[in-house]
C-alpha atoms as a PDB file:
ATOM      1  CA  MET A   1     -15.169 -19.223  68.615  1.00  0.00           C
ATOM      2  CA  ARG A   2     -14.079 -15.666  67.883  1.00  0.00           C
ATOM      3  CA  TYR A   3     -10.536 -16.905  67.344  1.00  0.00           C
ATOM      4  CA  ASN A   4     -11.751 -19.565  64.913  1.00  0.00           C
ATOM      5  CA  GLY A   5     -13.832 -16.974  63.067  1.00  0.00           C
ATOM      6  CA  PHE A   6     -10.841 -14.666  62.786  1.00  0.00           C
ATOM      7  CA  MET A   7      -8.629 -17.470  61.479  1.00  0.00           C
ATOM      8  CA  LEU A   8     -11.309 -18.386  58.936  1.00  0.00           C
ATOM      9  CA  ARG A   9     -11.405 -14.830  57.641  1.00  0.00           C
ATOM     10  CA  VAL A  10      -7.618 -14.760  57.448  1.00  0.00           C
ATOM     11  CA  PHE A  11      -7.633 -18.063  55.561  1.00  0.00           C
ATOM     12  CA  ILE A  12     -10.244 -16.835  53.092  1.00  0.00           C
ATOM     13  CA  GLY A  13      -8.315 -13.610  52.616  1.00  0.00           C
ATOM     14  CA  LEU A  14      -5.112 -15.523  51.861  1.00  0.00           C
ATOM     15  CA  MET A  15      -6.947 -17.757  49.373  1.00  0.00           C
ATOM     16  CA  LEU A  16      -8.348 -14.710  47.582  1.00  0.00           C
ATOM     17  CA  LEU A  17      -4.901 -13.107  47.489  1.00  0.00           C
ATOM     18  CA  LEU A  18      -3.339 -16.277  46.069  1.00  0.00           C
ATOM     19  CA  ALA A  19      -6.112 -16.487  43.482  1.00  0.00           C
ATOM     20  CA  LEU A  20      -5.449 -12.885  42.461  1.00  0.00           C
ATOM     21  CA  ILE A  21      -1.698 -13.520  42.174  1.00  0.00           C
ATOM     22  CA  ALA A  22      -2.349 -16.640  40.104  1.00  0.00           C
ATOM     23  CA  PHE A  23      -4.681 -14.687  37.831  1.00  0.00           C
ATOM     24  CA  VAL A  24      -2.056 -12.006  37.263  1.00  0.00           C
ATOM     25  CA  LEU A  25       0.670 -14.562  36.604  1.00  0.00           C
ATOM     26  CA  VAL A  26      -1.475 -16.469  34.148  1.00  0.00           C
ATOM     27  CA  GLY A  27      -2.312 -13.193  32.446  1.00  0.00           C
ATOM     28  CA  VAL A  28       1.381 -12.435  32.024  1.00  0.00           C
ATOM     29  CA  ILE A  29       2.155 -15.932  30.789  1.00  0.00           C
ATOM     30  CA  LEU A  30      -0.687 -15.802  28.284  1.00  0.00           C
ATOM     31  CA  LEU A  31       0.239 -12.352  27.022  1.00  0.00           C
ATOM     32  CA  VAL A  32       1.834 -14.214  24.134  1.00  0.00           C
ATOM     33  CA  PRO A  33      -1.005 -16.533  23.070  1.00  0.00           C
ATOM     34  CA  PRO A  34      -0.519 -20.234  22.277  1.00  0.00           C
ATOM     35  CA  ILE A  35       0.086 -19.669  18.570  1.00  0.00           C
ATOM     36  CA  VAL A  36       3.835 -20.248  18.433  1.00  0.00           C
ATOM     37  CA  ASP A  37       3.391 -23.221  16.118  1.00  0.00           C
ATOM     38  CA  THR A  38       2.317 -21.001  13.218  1.00  0.00           C
ATOM     39  CA  GLY A  39       4.550 -18.962  10.962  1.00  0.00           C
ATOM     40  CA  ASP A  40       1.791 -16.496  10.145  1.00  0.00           C
ATOM     41  CA  VAL A  41       1.662 -14.199  13.141  1.00  0.00           C
ATOM     42  CA  LEU A  42       1.659 -10.468  12.479  1.00  0.00           C
ATOM     43  CA  VAL A  43       1.970  -7.383  14.627  1.00  0.00           C
ATOM     44  CA  ILE A  44      -0.471  -4.721  13.462  1.00  0.00           C
ATOM     45  CA  ALA A  45      -1.532  -1.248  14.533  1.00  0.00           C
ATOM     46  CA  SER A  46      -5.266  -0.838  14.969  1.00  0.00           C
ATOM     47  CA  ALA A  47      -7.586   2.044  15.830  1.00  0.00           C
ATOM     48  CA  PRO A  48     -11.357   2.465  16.032  1.00  0.00           C
ATOM     49  CA  ARG A  49     -12.876   4.435  13.171  1.00  0.00           C
ATOM     50  CA  ASP A  50     -12.792   8.200  13.655  1.00  0.00           C
ATOM     51  CA  SER A  51     -10.469   7.846  16.636  1.00  0.00           C
ATOM     52  CA  ARG A  52      -6.954   9.104  17.124  1.00  0.00           C
ATOM     53  CA  ASN A  53      -6.150   6.368  19.649  1.00  0.00           C
ATOM     54  CA  SER A  54      -4.348   3.327  18.264  1.00  0.00           C
ATOM     55  CA  ASP A  55      -2.718   0.293  19.869  1.00  0.00           C
ATOM     56  CA  LEU A  56      -0.591  -2.666  18.837  1.00  0.00           C
ATOM     57  CA  TYR A  57      -2.008  -6.167  18.452  1.00  0.00           C
ATOM     58  CA  LEU A  58      -0.846  -9.650  17.575  1.00  0.00           C
ATOM     59  CA  LEU A  59      -2.816 -11.102  14.675  1.00  0.00           C
ATOM     60  CA  ASP A  60      -3.059 -14.897  14.415  1.00  0.00           C
ATOM     61  CA  THR A  61      -3.821 -15.362  10.720  1.00  0.00           C
ATOM     62  CA  ARG A  62      -4.724 -19.036  11.154  1.00  0.00           C
ATOM     63  CA  ARG A  63      -7.778 -18.065  13.210  1.00  0.00           C
ATOM     64  CA  SER A  64      -8.054 -14.334  12.442  1.00  0.00           C
ATOM     65  CA  ILE A  65      -7.880 -13.551  16.154  1.00  0.00           C
ATOM     66  CA  THR A  66      -6.139 -10.505  17.603  1.00  0.00           C
ATOM     67  CA  TYR A  67      -4.418 -10.133  20.990  1.00  0.00           C
ATOM     68  CA  ARG A  68      -3.931  -6.636  22.337  1.00  0.00           C
ATOM     69  CA  LEU A  69      -0.362  -5.689  23.284  1.00  0.00           C
ATOM     70  CA  THR A  70      -0.595  -2.019  24.287  1.00  0.00           C
ATOM     71  CA  HIS A  71      -3.283  -0.240  26.296  1.00  0.00           C
ATOM     72  CA  ASP A  72      -2.846   3.509  26.222  1.00  0.00           C
ATOM     73  CA  PRO A  73      -5.048   6.443  25.178  1.00  0.00           C
ATOM     74  CA  ALA A  74      -2.138   7.777  23.099  1.00  0.00           C
ATOM     75  CA  TRP A  75      -1.171   6.911  19.518  1.00  0.00           C
ATOM     76  CA  ASP A  76       0.947   3.731  19.229  1.00  0.00           C
ATOM     77  CA  GLY A  77       2.091   2.840  15.720  1.00  0.00           C
ATOM     78  CA  GLN A  78       4.935   2.046  13.307  1.00  0.00           C
ATOM     79  CA  PRO A  79       5.762  -1.330  14.919  1.00  0.00           C
ATOM     80  CA  ALA A  80       9.110  -2.956  14.100  1.00  0.00           C
ATOM     81  CA  VAL A  81       9.725  -6.514  15.333  1.00  0.00           C
ATOM     82  CA  SER A  82      13.220  -7.501  16.481  1.00  0.00           C
ATOM     83  CA  PRO A  83      14.897 -10.274  14.451  1.00  0.00           C
ATOM     84  CA  ASP A  84      14.621 -12.717  17.390  1.00  0.00           C
ATOM     85  CA  GLY A  85      10.906 -11.991  17.803  1.00  0.00           C
ATOM     86  CA  ARG A  86      11.252 -10.893  21.444  1.00  0.00           C
ATOM     87  CA  PHE A  87      10.733  -7.149  21.155  1.00  0.00           C
ATOM     88  CA  ILE A  88       8.680  -4.586  19.290  1.00  0.00           C
ATOM     89  CA  ALA A  89      10.079  -1.107  18.750  1.00  0.00           C
ATOM     90  CA  PHE A  90       7.344   1.395  17.996  1.00  0.00           C
ATOM     91  CA  THR A  91       6.438   5.074  17.927  1.00  0.00           C
ATOM     92  CA  SER A  92       4.163   6.570  20.571  1.00  0.00           C
ATOM     93  CA  ASP A  93       3.127  10.037  21.673  1.00  0.00           C
ATOM     94  CA  ARG A  94       2.114   8.888  25.167  1.00  0.00           C
ATOM     95  CA  ASP A  95       4.585  11.425  26.591  1.00  0.00           C
ATOM     96  CA  ARG A  96       3.108  14.267  24.529  1.00  0.00           C
ATOM     97  CA  ASN A  97       5.555  14.085  21.629  1.00  0.00           C
ATOM     98  CA  ALA A  98       6.535  11.222  19.359  1.00  0.00           C
ATOM     99  CA  GLU A  99       9.268   8.986  20.805  1.00  0.00           C
ATOM    100  CA  VAL A 100      10.564   5.461  20.186  1.00  0.00           C
ATOM    101  CA  TYR A 101       9.641   2.778  22.725  1.00  0.00           C
ATOM    102  CA  LEU A 102      10.571  -0.861  23.211  1.00  0.00           C
ATOM    103  CA  LEU A 103       7.988  -3.494  24.197  1.00  0.00           C
ATOM    104  CA  ARG A 104       9.058  -6.927  25.457  1.00  0.00           C
ATOM    105  CA  ILE A 105       6.401  -9.307  24.142  1.00  0.00           C
ATOM    106  CA  ALA A 106       6.768 -11.988  26.812  1.00  0.00           C
ATOM    107  CA  ASP A 107       5.652  -9.837  29.732  1.00  0.00           C
ATOM    108  CA  GLY A 108       4.651  -6.457  28.292  1.00  0.00           C
ATOM    109  CA  ALA A 109       7.613  -4.615  29.877  1.00  0.00           C
ATOM    110  CA  LEU A 110       7.928  -1.176  28.286  1.00  0.00           C
ATOM    111  CA  ARG A 111      11.021   0.991  27.907  1.00  0.00           C
ATOM    112  CA  ARG A 112      11.361   4.435  26.382  1.00  0.00           C
ATOM    113  CA  LEU A 113      14.459   4.538  24.151  1.00  0.00           C
ATOM    114  CA  THR A 114      14.566   8.159  23.006  1.00  0.00           C
ATOM    115  CA  HIS A 115      14.316  11.239  25.204  1.00  0.00           C
ATOM    116  CA  SER A 116      14.128  14.429  23.210  1.00  0.00           C
ATOM    117  CA  PRO A 117      11.871  17.491  23.037  1.00  0.00           C
ATOM    118  CA  THR A 118      11.773  16.939  19.259  1.00  0.00           C
ATOM    119  CA  PHE A 119      10.068  14.160  17.275  1.00  0.00           C
ATOM    120  CA  GLU A 120      11.460  10.630  16.966  1.00  0.00           C
ATOM    121  CA  ASN A 121       9.702   7.941  14.931  1.00  0.00           C
ATOM    122  CA  SER A 122       9.891   5.156  12.330  1.00  0.00           C
ATOM    123  CA  PRO A 123      12.210   2.615  14.035  1.00  0.00           C
ATOM    124  CA  ALA A 124      13.863  -0.175  12.019  1.00  0.00           C
ATOM    125  CA  TRP A 125      16.063  -3.044  13.283  1.00  0.00           C
ATOM    126  CA  SER A 126      19.456  -4.044  11.952  1.00  0.00           C
ATOM    127  CA  PRO A 127      19.556  -7.733  10.938  1.00  0.00           C
ATOM    128  CA  ASP A 128      21.624  -8.722  14.001  1.00  0.00           C
ATOM    129  CA  GLY A 129      19.249  -6.892  16.364  1.00  0.00           C
ATOM    130  CA  ARG A 130      21.982  -4.692  17.826  1.00  0.00           C
ATOM    131  CA  TYR A 131      20.925  -1.388  16.257  1.00  0.00           C
ATOM    132  CA  LEU A 132      17.747   0.573  15.683  1.00  0.00           C
ATOM    133  CA  SER A 133      17.648   3.242  13.014  1.00  0.00           C
ATOM    134  CA  TYR A 134      14.989   5.896  13.407  1.00  0.00           C
ATOM    135  CA  THR A 135      14.022   9.400  12.316  1.00  0.00           C
ATOM    136  CA  SER A 136      14.689  12.426  14.524  1.00  0.00           C
ATOM    137  CA  THR A 137      14.183  16.179  14.083  1.00  0.00           C
ATOM    138  CA  GLU A 138      16.819  16.952  16.702  1.00  0.00           C
ATOM    139  CA  ASN A 139      18.890  18.901  14.159  1.00  0.00           C
ATOM    140  CA  GLY A 140      15.931  20.896  12.878  1.00  0.00           C
ATOM    141  CA  ASN A 141      15.413  18.833   9.734  1.00  0.00           C
ATOM    142  CA  ALA A 142      14.562  15.150   9.890  1.00  0.00           C
ATOM    143  CA  ASP A 143      17.656  12.920   9.929  1.00  0.00           C
ATOM    144  CA  ILE A 144      18.374   9.225  10.359  1.00  0.00           C
ATOM    145  CA  PHE A 145      19.882   8.294  13.732  1.00  0.00           C
ATOM    146  CA  ILE A 146      21.124   4.917  15.000  1.00  0.00           C
ATOM    147  CA  PHE A 147      20.513   3.654  18.536  1.00  0.00           C
ATOM    148  CA  ASP A 148      22.976   1.016  19.845  1.00  0.00           C
ATOM    149  CA  MET A 149      21.058  -1.505  21.965  1.00  0.00           C
ATOM    150  CA  HIS A 150      24.299  -2.665  23.649  1.00  0.00           C
ATOM    151  CA  ASP A 151      25.315   0.619  25.256  1.00  0.00           C
ATOM    152  CA  ASP A 152      22.381   2.992  24.528  1.00  0.00           C
ATOM    153  CA  SER A 153      24.642   5.278  22.481  1.00  0.00           C
ATOM    154  CA  ILE A 154      23.098   7.320  19.668  1.00  0.00           C
ATOM    155  CA  HIS A 155      24.761   8.233  16.369  1.00  0.00           C
ATOM    156  CA  ASN A 156      23.594  10.736  13.751  1.00  0.00           C
ATOM    157  CA  LEU A 157      23.890   8.932  10.394  1.00  0.00           C
ATOM    158  CA  THR A 158      22.592  11.524   7.899  1.00  0.00           C
ATOM    159  CA  ARG A 159      22.896  15.313   7.752  1.00  0.00           C
ATOM    160  CA  ARG A 160      21.941  16.172   4.199  1.00  0.00           C
ATOM    161  CA  VAL A 161      20.166  19.195   2.735  1.00  0.00           C
ATOM    162  CA  GLY A 162      16.781  17.499   2.624  1.00  0.00           C
ATOM    163  CA  GLU A 163      14.793  15.559   5.201  1.00  0.00           C
ATOM    164  CA  GLU A 164      15.572  11.867   5.680  1.00  0.00           C
ATOM    165  CA  THR A 165      13.064   9.383   7.052  1.00  0.00           C
ATOM    166  CA  LEU A 166      11.635   5.828   6.860  1.00  0.00           C
ATOM    167  CA  SER A 167      14.813   3.737   6.943  1.00  0.00           C
ATOM    168  CA  SER A 168      15.340   0.015   6.288  1.00  0.00           C
ATOM    169  CA  TRP A 169      18.487  -2.108   6.665  1.00  0.00           C
ATOM    170  CA  SER A 170      19.997  -4.336   4.005  1.00  0.00           C
ATOM    171  CA  PRO A 171      20.039  -8.033   4.987  1.00  0.00           C
ATOM    172  CA  ASP A 172      23.840  -7.944   5.492  1.00  0.00           C
ATOM    173  CA  GLY A 173      23.596  -4.853   7.714  1.00  0.00           C
ATOM    174  CA  THR A 174      26.023  -2.767   5.648  1.00  0.00           C
ATOM    175  CA  HIS A 175      23.556  -0.334   4.061  1.00  0.00           C
ATOM    176  CA  ILE A 176      20.384   1.536   4.915  1.00  0.00           C
ATOM    177  CA  VAL A 177      17.784   2.722   2.426  1.00  0.00           C
ATOM    178  CA  TYR A 178      15.656   5.731   3.308  1.00  0.00           C
ATOM    179  CA  VAL A 179      13.397   8.415   1.863  1.00  0.00           C
ATOM    180  CA  GLU A 180      14.861  11.841   1.161  1.00  0.00           C
ATOM    181  CA  VAL A 181      12.345  14.688   1.006  1.00  0.00           C
ATOM    182  CA  ARG A 182      13.305  17.905  -0.793  1.00  0.00           C
ATOM    183  CA  GLY A 183      10.391  20.246  -1.175  1.00  0.00           C
ATOM    184  CA  ARG A 184       7.626  18.261  -2.888  1.00  0.00           C
ATOM    185  CA  GLN A 185      10.025  15.638  -4.247  1.00  0.00           C
ATOM    186  CA  THR A 186      10.791  12.339  -2.522  1.00  0.00           C
ATOM    187  CA  ASP A 187      13.529   9.929  -3.580  1.00  0.00           C
ATOM    188  CA  LEU A 188      14.969   6.649  -2.359  1.00  0.00           C
ATOM    189  CA  ILE A 189      18.591   6.819  -1.196  1.00  0.00           C
ATOM    190  CA  THR A 190      20.960   4.130   0.070  1.00  0.00           C
ATOM    191  CA  ILE A 191      23.795   4.909   2.474  1.00  0.00           C
ATOM    192  CA  ASP A 192      26.816   2.826   3.428  1.00  0.00           C
ATOM    193  CA  VAL A 193      26.643   2.684   7.230  1.00  0.00           C
ATOM    194  CA  ALA A 194      30.439   2.570   7.597  1.00  0.00           C
ATOM    195  CA  THR A 195      31.552   5.135   4.995  1.00  0.00           C
ATOM    196  CA  ARG A 196      28.300   7.168   4.770  1.00  0.00           C
ATOM    197  CA  GLU A 197      28.571   7.143   0.976  1.00  0.00           C
ATOM    198  CA  THR A 198      25.117   7.621  -0.583  1.00  0.00           C
ATOM    199  CA  THR A 199      23.562   6.402  -3.825  1.00  0.00           C
ATOM    200  CA  ALA A 200      20.264   7.614  -5.286  1.00  0.00           C
ATOM    201  CA  LEU A 201      17.933   4.830  -6.431  1.00  0.00           C
ATOM    202  CA  THR A 202      15.336   7.250  -7.771  1.00  0.00           C
ATOM    203  CA  GLU A 203      15.712  10.832  -8.967  1.00  0.00           C
ATOM    204  CA  ASP A 204      12.417  12.108 -10.300  1.00  0.00           C
ATOM    205  CA  THR A 205       9.323  14.064  -9.314  1.00  0.00           C
ATOM    206  CA  ARG A 206       7.270  10.974  -8.505  1.00  0.00           C
ATOM    207  CA  PHE A 207       6.229  10.260  -4.928  1.00  0.00           C
ATOM    208  CA  GLU A 208       8.211   7.359  -3.369  1.00  0.00           C
ATOM    209  CA  TRP A 209       7.771   6.249   0.214  1.00  0.00           C
ATOM    210  CA  ASN A 210       8.426   3.517   2.784  1.00  0.00           C
ATOM    211  CA  PRO A 211      11.229   1.427   1.181  1.00  0.00           C
ATOM    212  CA  VAL A 212      11.924  -2.017   2.680  1.00  0.00           C
ATOM    213  CA  TRP A 213      14.624  -4.463   1.593  1.00  0.00           C
ATOM    214  CA  SER A 214      13.626  -8.052   0.878  1.00  0.00           C
ATOM    215  CA  PRO A 215      15.198 -10.770   3.075  1.00  0.00           C
ATOM    216  CA  THR A 216      17.254 -11.890   0.066  1.00  0.00           C
ATOM    217  CA  GLY A 217      18.528  -8.364  -0.566  1.00  0.00           C
ATOM    218  CA  ASP A 218      17.881  -8.316  -4.307  1.00  0.00           C
ATOM    219  CA  VAL A 219      14.467  -6.629  -4.299  1.00  0.00           C
ATOM    220  CA  LEU A 220      13.252  -3.389  -2.753  1.00  0.00           C
ATOM    221  CA  ALA A 221       9.576  -2.849  -1.956  1.00  0.00           C
ATOM    222  CA  PHE A 222       8.290   0.712  -1.706  1.00  0.00           C
ATOM    223  CA  GLU A 223       5.180   2.828  -2.187  1.00  0.00           C
ATOM    224  CA  SER A 224       4.731   5.175  -5.127  1.00  0.00           C
ATOM    225  CA  ARG A 225       2.058   7.301  -6.776  1.00  0.00           C
ATOM    226  CA  ARG A 226       3.592   6.992 -10.212  1.00  0.00           C
ATOM    227  CA  ALA A 227       0.363   5.349 -11.478  1.00  0.00           C
ATOM    228  CA  GLY A 228      -1.799   8.067  -9.900  1.00  0.00           C
ATOM    229  CA  LEU A 229      -2.715   6.062  -6.794  1.00  0.00           C
ATOM    230  CA  ASP A 230      -0.561   4.818  -3.907  1.00  0.00           C
ATOM    231  CA  ASN A 231       0.625   1.327  -4.844  1.00  0.00           C
ATOM    232  CA  VAL A 232       3.281  -1.107  -3.650  1.00  0.00           C
ATOM    233  CA  TYR A 233       6.109  -1.518  -6.159  1.00  0.00           C
ATOM    234  CA  LEU A 234       8.913  -4.077  -6.310  1.00  0.00           C
ATOM    235  CA  LEU A 235      12.269  -2.911  -7.686  1.00  0.00           C
ATOM    236  CA  ASP A 236      14.726  -5.575  -8.802  1.00  0.00           C
ATOM    237  CA  LEU A 237      18.063  -4.150  -7.670  1.00  0.00           C
ATOM    238  CA  THR A 238      19.979  -6.364 -10.115  1.00  0.00           C
ATOM    239  CA  THR A 239      18.084  -5.701 -13.343  1.00  0.00           C
ATOM    240  CA  GLY A 240      16.289  -2.473 -12.490  1.00  0.00           C
ATOM    241  CA  ALA A 241      12.948  -4.035 -13.432  1.00  0.00           C
ATOM    242  CA  LEU A 242       9.969  -2.414 -11.711  1.00  0.00           C
ATOM    243  CA  ARG A 243       6.686  -4.191 -10.906  1.00  0.00           C
ATOM    244  CA  ASN A 244       3.437  -2.666  -9.675  1.00  0.00           C
ATOM    245  CA  PHE A 245       2.563  -5.338  -7.114  1.00  0.00           C
ATOM    246  CA  THR A 246      -0.871  -3.965  -6.160  1.00  0.00           C
ATOM    247  CA  GLU A 247      -2.108  -2.566  -9.474  1.00  0.00           C
ATOM    248  CA  ASP A 248      -5.316  -4.637  -9.370  1.00  0.00           C
ATOM    249  CA  HIS A 249      -6.622  -2.729  -6.318  1.00  0.00           C
ATOM    250  CA  GLU A 250      -8.882   0.270  -6.801  1.00  0.00           C
ATOM    251  CA  GLU A 251      -7.855   1.661  -3.395  1.00  0.00           C
ATOM    252  CA  MET A 252      -4.537   2.983  -2.137  1.00  0.00           C
ATOM    253  CA  ALA A 253      -2.098   0.389  -0.809  1.00  0.00           C
ATOM    254  CA  SER A 254       0.517   0.738   1.940  1.00  0.00           C
ATOM    255  CA  PHE A 255       3.451  -1.646   2.346  1.00  0.00           C
ATOM    256  CA  GLY A 256       3.781  -3.624   5.574  1.00  0.00           C
ATOM    257  CA  SER A 257       6.518  -6.271   5.570  1.00  0.00           C
ATOM    258  CA  TRP A 258       8.096  -9.222   3.825  1.00  0.00           C
ATOM    259  CA  SER A 259       7.619 -12.725   5.171  1.00  0.00           C
ATOM    260  CA  PRO A 260      10.863 -14.091   6.680  1.00  0.00           C
ATOM    261  CA  ASP A 261      11.463 -16.253   3.597  1.00  0.00           C
ATOM    262  CA  GLY A 262      10.716 -13.387   1.211  1.00  0.00           C
ATOM    263  CA  LYS A 263       7.961 -15.318  -0.577  1.00  0.00           C
ATOM    264  CA  ARG A 264       4.986 -13.260   0.643  1.00  0.00           C
ATOM    265  CA  ILE A 265       4.188  -9.640   1.391  1.00  0.00           C
ATOM    266  CA  ALA A 266       1.754  -8.257   3.954  1.00  0.00           C
ATOM    267  CA  TYR A 267       0.247  -4.846   3.262  1.00  0.00           C
ATOM    268  CA  SER A 268      -2.896  -2.813   3.853  1.00  0.00           C
ATOM    269  CA  ILE A 269      -5.386  -1.208   1.486  1.00  0.00           C
ATOM    270  CA  GLY A 270      -8.309   1.164   1.760  1.00  0.00           C
ATOM    271  CA  GLN A 271      -9.371   4.769   1.527  1.00  0.00           C
ATOM    272  CA  ARG A 272      -6.655   5.600   4.056  1.00  0.00           C
ATOM    273  CA  ALA A 273      -4.666   2.424   3.290  1.00  0.00           C
ATOM    274  CA  GLY A 274      -5.913   0.796   6.478  1.00  0.00           C
ATOM    275  CA  ASP A 275      -9.260  -0.830   5.728  1.00  0.00           C
ATOM    276  CA  MET A 276      -7.941  -4.358   5.182  1.00  0.00           C
ATOM    277  CA  ILE A 277      -4.774  -6.414   5.818  1.00  0.00           C
ATOM    278  CA  ILE A 278      -3.716  -8.580   2.877  1.00  0.00           C
ATOM    279  CA  ILE A 279      -1.059 -11.269   2.476  1.00  0.00           C
ATOM    280  CA  ARG A 280       0.020 -12.029  -1.065  1.00  0.00           C
ATOM    281  CA  GLU A 281       2.421 -14.419  -2.783  1.00  0.00           C
ATOM    282  CA  VAL A 282       5.267 -12.514  -4.421  1.00  0.00           C
ATOM    283  CA  ALA A 283       5.845 -14.873  -7.349  1.00  0.00           C
ATOM    284  CA  SER A 284       2.248 -15.482  -8.418  1.00  0.00           C
ATOM    285  CA  GLY A 285       0.553 -12.405  -6.979  1.00  0.00           C
ATOM    286  CA  GLU A 286      -2.100 -14.644  -5.420  1.00  0.00           C
ATOM    287  CA  ILE A 287      -3.893 -13.228  -2.394  1.00  0.00           C
ATOM    288  CA  VAL A 288      -3.716 -15.909   0.299  1.00  0.00           C
ATOM    289  CA  TYR A 289      -5.155 -14.047   3.297  1.00  0.00           C
ATOM    290  CA  THR A 290      -7.348 -11.041   4.108  1.00  0.00           C
ATOM    291  CA  PHE A 291      -8.267  -9.523   7.468  1.00  0.00           C
ATOM    292  CA  ASP A 292     -11.082  -7.004   7.486  1.00  0.00           C
ATOM    293  CA  THR A 293     -12.820  -5.550  10.544  1.00  0.00           C
ATOM    294  CA  PRO A 294     -14.724  -2.322  11.303  1.00  0.00           C
ATOM    295  CA  ALA A 295     -11.497  -0.931  12.793  1.00  0.00           C
ATOM    296  CA  PHE A 296      -8.659   0.812  10.949  1.00  0.00           C
ATOM    297  CA  GLU A 297      -5.651  -1.547  10.675  1.00  0.00           C
ATOM    298  CA  TRP A 298      -2.265  -0.977   9.097  1.00  0.00           C
ATOM    299  CA  ALA A 299       1.508  -1.624   9.285  1.00  0.00           C
ATOM    300  CA  PRO A 300       1.418  -5.474   9.366  1.00  0.00           C
ATOM    301  CA  GLN A 301       4.781  -6.846  10.510  1.00  0.00           C
ATOM    302  CA  TRP A 302       5.739 -10.523  10.509  1.00  0.00           C
ATOM    303  CA  ILE A 303       6.937 -11.874  13.830  1.00  0.00           C
ATOM    304  CA  ASN A 304       8.976 -14.920  14.780  1.00  0.00           C
ATOM    305  CA  LEU A 305       7.602 -16.002  18.185  1.00  0.00           C
ATOM    306  CA  ARG A 306      10.023 -18.929  18.350  1.00  0.00           C
ATOM    307  CA  GLY A 307      13.004 -16.615  18.472  1.00  0.00           C
END
C-alpha cells in the first residue's frame, strides 16, 4: 500500500511537471499572438502616466489589443523592427546606461548589441537587415555608428563638428539621413555610406528632428517646430515641396513610421506627443485609426509578422 501511495505521488508530480512545461511552451508559442493575417500590427512603447518605466508592446489595430513584449523595470524605447519582421532593436537602460538591444519576437530571446560605458541609442535597420545604425557618444560628441549583424563589427560613420543622431536608411541602402545638432540649431543631413560625402537638406535655425525615408525613397518625413508647435512634415525630395502633415492637431505630434507600402503614416500626439497613436492616409490625410488609453504611448512602428 505504501508503495502504491508513493507511486501515486510520483505520478501526480510528473503530471504537474508536464502541465507546467506545457504551459511554458504554450506561453512561448503564443508570445506572437494569432494576428499574422493582418497588415496593421504595430510595435509601440508604452508607460504608465507619471512613471519612468516603459516597455514594448505589439498593438493589433484590428482589435485594439496590446501584447506585452518586454518586462523590465528599466526604460525600453525607440523600437526599430527588422525588415523581415523577426527582430526588434531598441534602446534600454536596464544595465544602468543606454544601450542597444535585440529582441527576437518569436520567443522573447534578448541580446545586448552594444557594450560601452557611454550612451548608445536610436537604432535603425538597413533595408537588407544586415546593418544597424545607431547613435553613440563614444567619441565624446554623439556620432552615427554602424553595427554589422553578420560579424558584430562596429564602424564609426560620422565624426563631424556637431552632434549626429536619429538616423534612417534610404530604401536602396546607399545613404543615411540624420539630425546634426550644432548649439541650438538642428539640421537634416544625408551621408553616402560608401564615400561619406554629406549633403545638407536643411540649413536654418528651425528645429528639425527624427527624419525617416519613405519606402519609395522620394519623400522624407520629419518633425519640425517651424509652425510654432511640433508637427510632422513631408518633404518631397524631387520637387522640394513641403507639407505640414499634422497641422490640424492642436497638440504636438511625433513621427512614428511609414506603412510598408508608403500609403499611411503612424504617429503619436499629445501634450508630450504620446497621448494617442494615430494612423493616417498620406494622400488624403484621412485619419483611419486611433488608439487612446490612460497610458503614455509613442514610437509606433509597423511590423511584418509574416517575414
